[in-house]
Amino acid sequence: MKIIYECGQVIGEKNYQSDEMFVKDNVFAVADGMGDKNSGKLAAKVAIQVLEQNLEDLDKAFIKINKEIINRLSKYADGFICGTTLSVLKCDLAVSKYYVYHVGDSKIFLIRDKNLIQLTKDQNSVENKKKYVKALGINWNIDVYKNEGSIKKEDIFFVSTDGICDIKDMLEDIANKEPKDIKDYILSYQSHLKDNLSFIVLKVF
């Protein structure tokens, strides 16, 4: 089996980009920085840098990322949230398996037989009408959501930051499309986006 992929990124209505994407050795990831535009962007960058150094052990990678953000960036936060979501998809084609590691509310979907299946679980809550999202770099204890399953030929995976929620009504429509068409389709809706959006679409063949 082999993989082809497409990447896309949109700033939306914001005047800065706090998302980061990563693709290497059949590992695909998105990080959505939280905090002001400087600390959030830095947190996402640190997450991707540390991830790249620890691709063989994703459990260790998440622990190291969390510690690194707290140690390096907390001084820039000025009492505000400084952290990042991180959603990682690792495809092991040798054994036809996928592995999901996830903190936050970014998204990983599997498109199989034209069905859209969410592989991640949104780690957020609402208190006093305010949304709270789990993230790396917020506190020392982290709750990593994990998922795994089999890979089949023709599977399509969609890895995205939560900016996709601005156009969630069209998500079902992407189940009928190829990676390049999915990318173009989503980018055609960029005028509807308020948040940053970064996404990776990959197909196994």
N, C-alpha and C. Protein backbone atom coordinates (compact mmCIF):
# COMPACT_ATOMS: atom_id res chain seq x y z
N MET A 1 0.83 -1.20 0.00
CA MET A 1 0.00 0.00 0.00
C MET A 1 0.87 1.26 0.00
N LYS A 2 0.31 2.31 -0.55
CA LYS A 2 0.97 3.61 -0.57
C LYS A 2 -0.02 4.69 -0.17
N ILE A 3 0.51 5.89 0.08
CA ILE A 3 -0.33 7.02 0.50
C ILE A 3 -0.05 8.22 -0.38
N ILE A 4 -1.12 8.88 -0.80
CA ILE A 4 -1.00 10.21 -1.41
C ILE A 4 -1.71 11.20 -0.48
N TYR A 5 -1.26 12.43 -0.45
CA TYR A 5 -1.89 13.38 0.45
C TYR A 5 -1.88 14.80 -0.13
N GLU A 6 -2.77 15.61 0.41
CA GLU A 6 -2.88 17.02 0.06
C GLU A 6 -3.01 17.82 1.36
N CYS A 7 -2.44 19.02 1.38
CA CYS A 7 -2.52 19.89 2.56
C CYS A 7 -3.14 21.23 2.17
N GLY A 8 -3.87 21.82 3.11
CA GLY A 8 -4.45 23.13 2.87
C GLY A 8 -4.44 23.95 4.14
N GLN A 9 -4.39 25.27 3.99
CA GLN A 9 -4.36 26.15 5.16
C GLN A 9 -5.02 27.48 4.82
N VAL A 10 -5.87 27.96 5.76
CA VAL A 10 -6.59 29.21 5.58
C VAL A 10 -6.50 30.01 6.88
N ILE A 11 -6.25 31.30 6.79
CA ILE A 11 -6.18 32.14 7.99
C ILE A 11 -7.58 32.46 8.52
N GLY A 12 -8.58 32.55 7.64
CA GLY A 12 -9.92 32.93 8.07
C GLY A 12 -10.00 34.42 8.34
N GLU A 13 -10.82 34.79 9.31
CA GLU A 13 -10.98 36.21 9.63
C GLU A 13 -9.92 36.74 10.58
N LYS A 14 -9.07 35.86 11.09
CA LYS A 14 -7.99 36.30 11.98
C LYS A 14 -6.89 36.97 11.16
N ASN A 15 -6.07 37.75 11.82
CA ASN A 15 -4.95 38.40 11.13
C ASN A 15 -3.63 37.71 11.41
N TYR A 16 -3.70 36.49 11.94
CA TYR A 16 -2.50 35.70 12.19
C TYR A 16 -2.85 34.22 12.12
N GLN A 17 -1.84 33.39 11.91
CA GLN A 17 -2.02 31.94 11.79
C GLN A 17 -1.37 31.25 12.99
N SER A 18 -2.17 30.54 13.79
CA SER A 18 -1.62 29.85 14.97
C SER A 18 -1.66 28.33 14.81
N ASP A 19 -2.00 27.85 13.61
CA ASP A 19 -2.00 26.41 13.34
C ASP A 19 -0.65 25.98 12.78
N GLU A 20 -0.30 24.72 13.02
CA GLU A 20 0.87 24.11 12.40
C GLU A 20 0.48 22.74 11.87
N MET A 21 1.10 22.32 10.77
CA MET A 21 0.87 20.99 10.20
C MET A 21 2.18 20.23 10.12
N PHE A 22 2.08 18.90 10.06
CA PHE A 22 3.28 18.07 10.00
C PHE A 22 2.99 16.80 9.19
N VAL A 23 3.91 16.48 8.28
CA VAL A 23 3.84 15.22 7.51
C VAL A 23 5.24 14.65 7.39
N LYS A 24 5.44 13.43 7.87
CA LYS A 24 6.72 12.76 7.71
C LYS A 24 6.57 11.29 8.10
N ASP A 25 7.16 10.40 7.30
CA ASP A 25 7.19 8.97 7.61
C ASP A 25 5.80 8.41 7.93
N ASN A 26 4.82 8.80 7.12
CA ASN A 26 3.44 8.35 7.30
C ASN A 26 2.85 8.75 8.65
N VAL A 27 3.37 9.85 9.21
CA VAL A 27 2.78 10.47 10.39
C VAL A 27 2.23 11.83 9.95
N PHE A 28 0.97 12.09 10.30
CA PHE A 28 0.28 13.29 9.87
C PHE A 28 -0.30 13.97 11.12
N ALA A 29 -0.07 15.27 11.27
CA ALA A 29 -0.50 15.93 12.51
C ALA A 29 -0.89 17.37 12.26
N VAL A 30 -1.81 17.86 13.10
CA VAL A 30 -2.15 19.28 13.14
C VAL A 30 -2.12 19.75 14.58
N ALA A 31 -1.67 20.97 14.79
CA ALA A 31 -1.64 21.58 16.12
C ALA A 31 -2.28 22.95 16.02
N ASP A 32 -3.15 23.26 16.95
CA ASP A 32 -3.88 24.53 16.97
C ASP A 32 -3.49 25.28 18.24
N GLY A 33 -2.63 26.29 18.11
CA GLY A 33 -2.14 27.03 19.26
C GLY A 33 -3.23 27.84 19.94
N MET A 34 -3.16 27.89 21.27
CA MET A 34 -4.15 28.62 22.07
C MET A 34 -3.45 29.67 22.91
N GLY A 35 -4.08 30.82 23.04
CA GLY A 35 -3.48 31.92 23.78
C GLY A 35 -3.43 33.14 22.88
N ASP A 36 -2.60 34.14 23.22
CA ASP A 36 -2.48 35.25 22.30
C ASP A 36 -1.73 34.78 21.06
N LYS A 37 -1.67 35.65 20.04
CA LYS A 37 -1.15 35.20 18.75
C LYS A 37 0.30 34.75 18.81
N ASN A 38 1.08 35.28 19.76
CA ASN A 38 2.49 34.89 19.86
C ASN A 38 2.67 33.59 20.63
N SER A 39 2.08 33.51 21.83
CA SER A 39 2.27 32.31 22.65
C SER A 39 1.59 31.10 22.03
N GLY A 40 0.41 31.28 21.45
CA GLY A 40 -0.29 30.16 20.81
C GLY A 40 0.49 29.61 19.63
N LYS A 41 1.00 30.50 18.81
CA LYS A 41 1.78 30.07 17.65
C LYS A 41 3.06 29.35 18.08
N LEU A 42 3.71 29.88 19.12
CA LEU A 42 4.93 29.25 19.62
C LEU A 42 4.63 27.86 20.19
N ALA A 43 3.52 27.72 20.91
CA ALA A 43 3.16 26.43 21.48
C ALA A 43 2.94 25.40 20.39
N ALA A 44 2.26 25.78 19.32
CA ALA A 44 2.03 24.85 18.21
C ALA A 44 3.34 24.47 17.53
N LYS A 45 4.24 25.44 17.39
CA LYS A 45 5.55 25.15 16.77
C LYS A 45 6.36 24.18 17.63
N VAL A 46 6.36 24.41 18.94
CA VAL A 46 7.08 23.51 19.85
C VAL A 46 6.52 22.10 19.75
N ALA A 47 5.20 21.98 19.69
CA ALA A 47 4.56 20.67 19.60
C ALA A 47 5.05 19.90 18.37
N ILE A 48 5.10 20.58 17.25
CA ILE A 48 5.51 19.91 16.02
C ILE A 48 7.00 19.58 16.04
N GLN A 49 7.82 20.48 16.58
CA GLN A 49 9.26 20.22 16.66
C GLN A 49 9.57 19.00 17.53
N VAL A 50 8.94 18.93 18.70
CA VAL A 50 9.19 17.81 19.60
C VAL A 50 8.60 16.52 19.03
N LEU A 51 7.44 16.62 18.39
CA LEU A 51 6.85 15.44 17.75
C LEU A 51 7.81 14.83 16.73
N GLU A 52 8.41 15.67 15.91
CA GLU A 52 9.32 15.17 14.87
C GLU A 52 10.50 14.42 15.47
N GLN A 53 10.91 14.80 16.67
CA GLN A 53 12.05 14.15 17.31
C GLN A 53 11.68 12.85 18.02
N ASN A 54 10.38 12.56 18.09
CA ASN A 54 9.92 11.39 18.87
C ASN A 54 8.87 10.58 18.12
N LEU A 55 9.05 10.40 16.84
CA LEU A 55 8.04 9.71 16.03
C LEU A 55 7.90 8.23 16.38
N GLU A 56 8.93 7.64 16.94
CA GLU A 56 8.88 6.21 17.24
C GLU A 56 8.10 5.91 18.51
N ASP A 57 7.89 6.90 19.36
CA ASP A 57 7.17 6.69 20.62
C ASP A 57 6.26 7.89 20.86
N LEU A 58 5.02 7.78 20.38
CA LEU A 58 4.10 8.91 20.46
C LEU A 58 3.63 9.18 21.88
N ASP A 59 3.57 8.15 22.72
CA ASP A 59 3.24 8.38 24.12
C ASP A 59 4.27 9.31 24.76
N LYS A 60 5.53 9.00 24.53
CA LYS A 60 6.62 9.83 25.07
C LYS A 60 6.59 11.23 24.44
N ALA A 61 6.24 11.29 23.16
CA ALA A 61 6.20 12.58 22.47
C ALA A 61 5.22 13.53 23.13
N PHE A 62 4.02 13.05 23.45
CA PHE A 62 3.02 13.92 24.07
C PHE A 62 3.46 14.40 25.45
N ILE A 63 4.09 13.53 26.22
CA ILE A 63 4.58 13.93 27.54
C ILE A 63 5.66 14.99 27.40
N LYS A 64 6.59 14.77 26.47
CA LYS A 64 7.68 15.74 26.27
C LYS A 64 7.15 17.08 25.76
N ILE A 65 6.19 17.02 24.86
CA ILE A 65 5.62 18.27 24.32
C ILE A 65 4.99 19.08 25.44
N ASN A 66 4.21 18.42 26.27
CA ASN A 66 3.54 19.11 27.37
C ASN A 66 4.55 19.79 28.30
N LYS A 67 5.58 19.05 28.68
CA LYS A 67 6.62 19.60 29.56
C LYS A 67 7.36 20.75 28.89
N GLU A 68 7.67 20.58 27.62
CA GLU A 68 8.45 21.59 26.90
C GLU A 68 7.67 22.91 26.80
N ILE A 69 6.39 22.83 26.52
CA ILE A 69 5.59 24.05 26.42
C ILE A 69 5.51 24.75 27.77
N ILE A 70 5.25 23.98 28.83
CA ILE A 70 5.17 24.59 30.16
C ILE A 70 6.51 25.23 30.54
N ASN A 71 7.58 24.52 30.33
CA ASN A 71 8.90 25.02 30.72
C ASN A 71 9.37 26.21 29.89
N ARG A 72 9.07 26.19 28.61
CA ARG A 72 9.61 27.22 27.71
C ARG A 72 8.69 28.41 27.52
N LEU A 73 7.37 28.17 27.57
CA LEU A 73 6.46 29.22 27.13
C LEU A 73 5.59 29.83 28.22
N SER A 74 5.53 29.21 29.38
CA SER A 74 4.64 29.75 30.42
C SER A 74 5.00 31.20 30.78
N LYS A 75 6.26 31.55 30.67
CA LYS A 75 6.68 32.91 31.03
C LYS A 75 6.17 33.96 30.04
N TYR A 76 5.74 33.50 28.83
CA TYR A 76 5.23 34.44 27.84
C TYR A 76 3.72 34.62 27.95
N ALA A 77 3.07 33.78 28.76
CA ALA A 77 1.61 33.76 28.75
C ALA A 77 0.98 34.89 29.55
N ASP A 78 1.71 35.47 30.49
CA ASP A 78 1.20 36.59 31.29
C ASP A 78 -0.12 36.26 31.97
N GLY A 79 -0.21 35.05 32.49
CA GLY A 79 -1.42 34.66 33.21
C GLY A 79 -2.54 34.13 32.35
N PHE A 80 -2.36 34.15 31.02
CA PHE A 80 -3.38 33.64 30.12
C PHE A 80 -3.03 32.22 29.65
N ILE A 81 -3.99 31.57 29.03
CA ILE A 81 -3.76 30.23 28.51
C ILE A 81 -2.65 30.26 27.46
N CYS A 82 -1.74 29.33 27.56
CA CYS A 82 -0.69 29.17 26.56
C CYS A 82 -0.55 27.68 26.31
N GLY A 83 -1.03 27.22 25.20
CA GLY A 83 -0.97 25.79 24.92
C GLY A 83 -1.35 25.49 23.50
N THR A 84 -1.54 24.22 23.21
CA THR A 84 -1.92 23.82 21.86
C THR A 84 -2.66 22.49 21.88
N THR A 85 -3.60 22.35 20.98
CA THR A 85 -4.17 21.03 20.72
C THR A 85 -3.17 20.28 19.84
N LEU A 86 -3.30 18.97 19.79
CA LEU A 86 -2.45 18.18 18.91
C LEU A 86 -3.18 16.89 18.55
N SER A 87 -3.34 16.67 17.26
CA SER A 87 -3.96 15.44 16.77
C SER A 87 -3.01 14.78 15.78
N VAL A 88 -2.67 13.52 16.06
CA VAL A 88 -1.67 12.80 15.28
C VAL A 88 -2.25 11.51 14.74
N LEU A 89 -2.05 11.29 13.45
CA LEU A 89 -2.41 10.03 12.81
C LEU A 89 -1.14 9.36 12.30
N LYS A 90 -0.91 8.14 12.74
CA LYS A 90 0.24 7.36 12.28
C LYS A 90 -0.26 6.15 11.51
N CYS A 91 0.18 5.99 10.29
CA CYS A 91 -0.23 4.87 9.44
C CYS A 91 0.93 3.89 9.30
N ASP A 92 0.73 2.68 9.77
CA ASP A 92 1.73 1.62 9.63
C ASP A 92 1.25 0.69 8.52
N LEU A 93 1.72 0.96 7.32
CA LEU A 93 1.25 0.19 6.16
C LEU A 93 1.74 -1.25 6.18
N ALA A 94 2.84 -1.51 6.90
CA ALA A 94 3.39 -2.87 6.96
C ALA A 94 2.41 -3.83 7.63
N VAL A 95 1.63 -3.32 8.58
CA VAL A 95 0.66 -4.17 9.29
C VAL A 95 -0.78 -3.69 9.06
N SER A 96 -0.94 -2.73 8.14
CA SER A 96 -2.27 -2.22 7.77
C SER A 96 -3.05 -1.71 8.98
N LYS A 97 -2.37 -0.87 9.79
CA LYS A 97 -3.01 -0.32 10.99
C LYS A 97 -2.81 1.20 11.04
N TYR A 98 -3.80 1.87 11.62
CA TYR A 98 -3.65 3.29 11.92
C TYR A 98 -3.72 3.49 13.42
N TYR A 99 -3.04 4.54 13.88
CA TYR A 99 -3.01 4.88 15.31
C TYR A 99 -3.29 6.37 15.46
N VAL A 100 -4.20 6.71 16.35
CA VAL A 100 -4.58 8.10 16.61
C VAL A 100 -4.17 8.48 18.02
N TYR A 101 -3.49 9.62 18.15
CA TYR A 101 -3.14 10.21 19.45
C TYR A 101 -3.66 11.64 19.41
N HIS A 102 -4.36 12.05 20.49
CA HIS A 102 -5.12 13.29 20.35
C HIS A 102 -5.35 13.97 21.70
N VAL A 103 -5.11 15.28 21.72
CA VAL A 103 -5.49 16.12 22.86
C VAL A 103 -6.15 17.37 22.28
N GLY A 104 -7.35 17.69 22.75
CA GLY A 104 -8.01 18.91 22.32
C GLY A 104 -9.27 18.68 21.51
N ASP A 105 -9.51 19.60 20.56
CA ASP A 105 -10.73 19.50 19.77
C ASP A 105 -10.48 19.61 18.27
N SER A 106 -9.24 19.34 17.83
CA SER A 106 -9.01 19.18 16.41
C SER A 106 -9.65 17.85 16.00
N LYS A 107 -9.62 17.53 14.72
CA LYS A 107 -10.41 16.40 14.24
C LYS A 107 -9.58 15.46 13.36
N ILE A 108 -9.85 14.16 13.50
CA ILE A 108 -9.38 13.18 12.53
C ILE A 108 -10.58 12.33 12.13
N PHE A 109 -10.84 12.29 10.82
CA PHE A 109 -11.94 11.49 10.29
C PHE A 109 -11.39 10.40 9.38
N LEU A 110 -12.10 9.30 9.33
CA LEU A 110 -11.87 8.24 8.35
C LEU A 110 -13.05 8.24 7.39
N ILE A 111 -12.76 8.31 6.10
CA ILE A 111 -13.79 8.18 5.09
C ILE A 111 -13.64 6.80 4.46
N ARG A 112 -14.62 5.94 4.72
CA ARG A 112 -14.57 4.56 4.21
C ARG A 112 -15.94 4.21 3.63
N ASP A 113 -15.93 3.72 2.42
CA ASP A 113 -17.19 3.37 1.74
C ASP A 113 -18.16 4.54 1.75
N LYS A 114 -17.61 5.75 1.56
CA LYS A 114 -18.39 7.00 1.49
C LYS A 114 -19.07 7.36 2.81
N ASN A 115 -18.60 6.76 3.89
CA ASN A 115 -19.08 7.11 5.22
C ASN A 115 -18.01 7.91 5.96
N LEU A 116 -18.43 8.95 6.69
CA LEU A 116 -17.51 9.81 7.43
C LEU A 116 -17.55 9.40 8.90
N ILE A 117 -16.41 8.92 9.41
CA ILE A 117 -16.33 8.40 10.78
C ILE A 117 -15.31 9.22 11.56
N GLN A 118 -15.72 9.85 12.67
CA GLN A 118 -14.77 10.62 13.47
C GLN A 118 -13.97 9.69 14.36
N LEU A 119 -12.63 9.77 14.25
CA LEU A 119 -11.73 8.91 15.02
C LEU A 119 -11.24 9.56 16.31
N THR A 120 -11.45 10.86 16.44
CA THR A 120 -11.06 11.58 17.65
C THR A 120 -12.30 11.90 18.49
N LYS A 121 -12.05 12.24 19.73
CA LYS A 121 -13.12 12.66 20.64
C LYS A 121 -12.83 14.09 21.09
N ASP A 122 -13.80 14.97 20.88
CA ASP A 122 -13.60 16.37 21.27
C ASP A 122 -13.48 16.49 22.78
N GLN A 123 -12.35 17.01 23.23
CA GLN A 123 -12.11 17.16 24.66
C GLN A 123 -12.39 18.60 25.08
N ASN A 124 -13.66 18.93 25.15
CA ASN A 124 -14.02 20.27 25.59
C ASN A 124 -15.26 20.22 26.47
N SER A 125 -15.48 21.30 27.16
CA SER A 125 -16.64 21.40 28.05
C SER A 125 -17.12 22.84 28.06
N VAL A 126 -18.35 23.03 28.50
CA VAL A 126 -18.93 24.37 28.59
C VAL A 126 -19.34 24.63 30.03
N GLU A 127 -18.78 25.68 30.59
CA GLU A 127 -19.12 26.09 31.95
C GLU A 127 -19.46 27.58 31.95
N ASN A 128 -20.62 27.90 32.49
CA ASN A 128 -21.08 29.29 32.52
C ASN A 128 -21.03 29.92 31.12
N LYS A 129 -21.49 29.12 30.16
CA LYS A 129 -21.57 29.55 28.75
C LYS A 129 -20.20 29.83 28.12
N LYS A 130 -19.17 29.32 28.76
CA LYS A 130 -17.82 29.51 28.23
C LYS A 130 -17.22 28.16 27.87
N LYS A 131 -16.57 28.10 26.72
CA LYS A 131 -15.99 26.84 26.23
C LYS A 131 -14.58 26.66 26.76
N TYR A 132 -14.31 25.47 27.29
CA TYR A 132 -12.98 25.12 27.76
C TYR A 132 -12.48 23.91 26.98
N VAL A 133 -11.27 24.01 26.46
CA VAL A 133 -10.69 22.94 25.64
C VAL A 133 -9.43 22.41 26.30
N LYS A 134 -9.29 21.09 26.38
CA LYS A 134 -8.05 20.52 26.88
C LYS A 134 -6.94 20.77 25.88
N ALA A 135 -5.75 20.99 26.41
CA ALA A 135 -4.62 21.29 25.53
C ALA A 135 -3.31 20.91 26.20
N LEU A 136 -2.28 20.78 25.40
CA LEU A 136 -0.93 20.53 25.91
C LEU A 136 -0.33 21.86 26.35
N GLY A 137 0.32 21.85 27.51
CA GLY A 137 0.96 23.05 28.02
C GLY A 137 0.14 23.80 29.04
N ILE A 138 -1.05 23.28 29.37
CA ILE A 138 -1.94 23.96 30.32
C ILE A 138 -1.64 23.52 31.75
N ASN A 139 -1.47 22.21 31.96
CA ASN A 139 -1.09 21.70 33.28
C ASN A 139 -0.25 20.44 33.11
N TRP A 140 0.29 19.95 34.21
CA TRP A 140 1.26 18.85 34.12
C TRP A 140 0.62 17.52 33.77
N ASN A 141 -0.64 17.33 34.11
CA ASN A 141 -1.32 16.08 33.77
C ASN A 141 -2.05 16.22 32.45
N ILE A 142 -1.86 15.26 31.56
CA ILE A 142 -2.53 15.32 30.25
C ILE A 142 -3.37 14.07 30.05
N ASP A 143 -4.41 14.23 29.29
CA ASP A 143 -5.33 13.15 28.99
C ASP A 143 -5.29 12.91 27.48
N VAL A 144 -4.49 11.94 27.05
CA VAL A 144 -4.33 11.66 25.63
C VAL A 144 -5.38 10.64 25.19
N TYR A 145 -6.19 11.04 24.24
CA TYR A 145 -7.19 10.12 23.67
C TYR A 145 -6.50 9.30 22.58
N LYS A 146 -6.70 7.98 22.60
CA LYS A 146 -6.07 7.09 21.62
C LYS A 146 -7.12 6.25 20.92
N ASN A 147 -6.82 5.93 19.68
CA ASN A 147 -7.71 5.09 18.88
C ASN A 147 -6.84 4.36 17.86
N GLU A 148 -7.25 3.20 17.46
CA GLU A 148 -6.53 2.46 16.44
C GLU A 148 -7.49 1.56 15.68
N GLY A 149 -7.05 1.15 14.50
CA GLY A 149 -7.90 0.29 13.69
C GLY A 149 -7.17 -0.16 12.44
N SER A 150 -7.87 -0.88 11.62
CA SER A 150 -7.27 -1.42 10.40
C SER A 150 -7.35 -0.40 9.27
N ILE A 151 -6.37 -0.50 8.37
CA ILE A 151 -6.36 0.32 7.16
C ILE A 151 -6.73 -0.56 5.98
N LYS A 152 -7.58 -0.03 5.13
CA LYS A 152 -7.95 -0.73 3.90
C LYS A 152 -7.62 0.15 2.70
N LYS A 153 -7.36 -0.47 1.58
CA LYS A 153 -7.17 0.31 0.36
C LYS A 153 -8.42 1.12 0.06
N GLU A 154 -8.20 2.31 -0.45
CA GLU A 154 -9.25 3.28 -0.76
C GLU A 154 -9.69 4.09 0.46
N ASP A 155 -9.15 3.79 1.67
CA ASP A 155 -9.46 4.61 2.84
C ASP A 155 -8.93 6.03 2.63
N ILE A 156 -9.70 7.00 3.08
CA ILE A 156 -9.28 8.40 3.07
C ILE A 156 -9.34 8.91 4.51
N PHE A 157 -8.27 9.57 4.96
CA PHE A 157 -8.23 10.15 6.29
C PHE A 157 -8.19 11.67 6.15
N PHE A 158 -8.90 12.34 7.04
CA PHE A 158 -8.97 13.80 7.04
C PHE A 158 -8.55 14.30 8.41
N VAL A 159 -7.41 15.00 8.47
CA VAL A 159 -6.83 15.50 9.72
C VAL A 159 -6.95 17.02 9.70
N SER A 160 -7.62 17.60 10.70
CA SER A 160 -7.94 19.02 10.60
C SER A 160 -8.00 19.70 11.96
N THR A 161 -7.66 21.00 11.99
CA THR A 161 -7.92 21.80 13.19
C THR A 161 -9.42 22.11 13.26
N ASP A 162 -9.86 22.66 14.39
CA ASP A 162 -11.30 22.81 14.60
C ASP A 162 -11.91 23.94 13.79
N GLY A 163 -11.10 24.64 13.00
CA GLY A 163 -11.66 25.64 12.09
C GLY A 163 -12.65 25.03 11.11
N ILE A 164 -12.55 23.72 10.91
CA ILE A 164 -13.47 23.03 10.00
C ILE A 164 -14.91 23.15 10.49
N CYS A 165 -15.09 23.40 11.79
CA CYS A 165 -16.45 23.52 12.35
C CYS A 165 -17.21 24.70 11.77
N ASP A 166 -16.49 25.71 11.25
CA ASP A 166 -17.16 26.85 10.63
C ASP A 166 -17.94 26.43 9.39
N ILE A 167 -17.54 25.32 8.77
CA ILE A 167 -18.23 24.84 7.56
C ILE A 167 -18.61 23.37 7.72
N LYS A 168 -19.00 22.98 8.95
CA LYS A 168 -19.27 21.58 9.24
C LYS A 168 -20.43 21.02 8.43
N ASP A 169 -21.31 21.89 7.95
CA ASP A 169 -22.46 21.41 7.18
C ASP A 169 -22.05 20.75 5.87
N MET A 170 -20.84 21.06 5.38
CA MET A 170 -20.42 20.46 4.12
C MET A 170 -19.53 19.23 4.31
N LEU A 171 -19.31 18.84 5.57
CA LEU A 171 -18.41 17.70 5.82
C LEU A 171 -18.89 16.42 5.16
N GLU A 172 -20.18 16.16 5.21
CA GLU A 172 -20.70 14.93 4.60
C GLU A 172 -20.44 14.90 3.10
N ASP A 173 -20.34 16.07 2.48
CA ASP A 173 -20.15 16.12 1.03
C ASP A 173 -18.76 15.65 0.61
N ILE A 174 -17.78 15.72 1.52
CA ILE A 174 -16.42 15.35 1.11
C ILE A 174 -16.24 13.84 1.02
N ALA A 175 -17.20 13.08 1.55
CA ALA A 175 -17.07 11.62 1.55
C ALA A 175 -17.09 11.01 0.15
N ASN A 176 -17.53 11.77 -0.83
CA ASN A 176 -17.61 11.26 -2.19
C ASN A 176 -16.44 11.69 -3.06
N LYS A 177 -15.43 12.35 -2.46
CA LYS A 177 -14.40 12.99 -3.27
C LYS A 177 -13.00 12.41 -3.03
N GLU A 178 -12.11 12.67 -3.97
CA GLU A 178 -10.70 12.30 -3.87
C GLU A 178 -9.94 13.40 -3.12
N PRO A 179 -8.72 13.10 -2.58
CA PRO A 179 -7.98 14.10 -1.79
C PRO A 179 -7.82 15.47 -2.46
N LYS A 180 -7.43 15.51 -3.72
CA LYS A 180 -7.26 16.81 -4.40
C LYS A 180 -8.59 17.54 -4.49
N ASP A 181 -9.66 16.80 -4.78
CA ASP A 181 -10.98 17.41 -4.88
C ASP A 181 -11.48 17.89 -3.52
N ILE A 182 -11.16 17.12 -2.45
CA ILE A 182 -11.54 17.53 -1.10
C ILE A 182 -10.84 18.83 -0.74
N LYS A 183 -9.54 18.90 -1.03
CA LYS A 183 -8.79 20.12 -0.76
C LYS A 183 -9.41 21.31 -1.48
N ASP A 184 -9.64 21.16 -2.77
CA ASP A 184 -10.19 22.27 -3.56
C ASP A 184 -11.59 22.65 -3.08
N TYR A 185 -12.37 21.66 -2.70
CA TYR A 185 -13.74 21.90 -2.25
C TYR A 185 -13.74 22.72 -0.96
N ILE A 186 -12.88 22.32 -0.01
CA ILE A 186 -12.80 23.05 1.26
C ILE A 186 -12.29 24.47 1.05
N LEU A 187 -11.26 24.62 0.23
CA LEU A 187 -10.70 25.94 -0.02
C LEU A 187 -11.70 26.86 -0.72
N SER A 188 -12.63 26.28 -1.45
CA SER A 188 -13.66 27.10 -2.11
C SER A 188 -14.60 27.74 -1.10
N TYR A 189 -14.59 27.23 0.14
CA TYR A 189 -15.44 27.76 1.20
C TYR A 189 -14.68 28.70 2.14
N GLN A 190 -13.46 29.09 1.78
CA GLN A 190 -12.63 29.82 2.72
C GLN A 190 -13.22 31.17 3.13
N SER A 191 -14.05 31.75 2.31
CA SER A 191 -14.68 33.03 2.67
C SER A 191 -15.67 32.87 3.81
N HIS A 192 -16.07 31.62 4.13
CA HIS A 192 -17.01 31.36 5.22
C HIS A 192 -16.29 31.10 6.55
N LEU A 193 -14.97 31.06 6.52
CA LEU A 193 -14.21 30.67 7.71
C LEU A 193 -13.90 31.88 8.60
N LYS A 194 -14.19 31.73 9.88
CA LYS A 194 -13.83 32.75 10.87
C LYS A 194 -12.50 32.39 11.53
N ASP A 195 -12.32 31.12 11.83
CA ASP A 195 -11.13 30.64 12.53
C ASP A 195 -10.05 30.22 11.52
N ASN A 196 -8.82 30.06 12.02
CA ASN A 196 -7.78 29.41 11.22
C ASN A 196 -8.23 28.00 10.88
N LEU A 197 -7.83 27.52 9.73
CA LEU A 197 -8.09 26.12 9.36
C LEU A 197 -6.85 25.55 8.69
N SER A 198 -6.37 24.43 9.21
CA SER A 198 -5.28 23.68 8.59
C SER A 198 -5.72 22.23 8.48
N PHE A 199 -5.50 21.62 7.32
CA PHE A 199 -5.98 20.25 7.14
C PHE A 199 -5.06 19.45 6.21
N ILE A 200 -5.09 18.14 6.43
CA ILE A 200 -4.35 17.18 5.59
C ILE A 200 -5.34 16.11 5.17
N VAL A 201 -5.37 15.82 3.89
CA VAL A 201 -6.22 14.75 3.37
C VAL A 201 -5.32 13.70 2.74
N LEU A 202 -5.47 12.44 3.16
CA LEU A 202 -4.62 11.39 2.60
C LEU A 202 -5.45 10.17 2.20
N LYS A 203 -4.98 9.51 1.17
CA LYS A 203 -5.67 8.32 0.67
C LYS A 203 -4.70 7.16 0.56
N VAL A 204 -5.17 5.99 0.95
CA VAL A 204 -4.38 4.75 0.89
C VAL A 204 -4.78 4.00 -0.38
N PHE A 205 -3.78 3.57 -1.14
CA PHE A 205 -4.09 2.83 -2.37
C PHE A 205 -3.05 1.75 -2.61
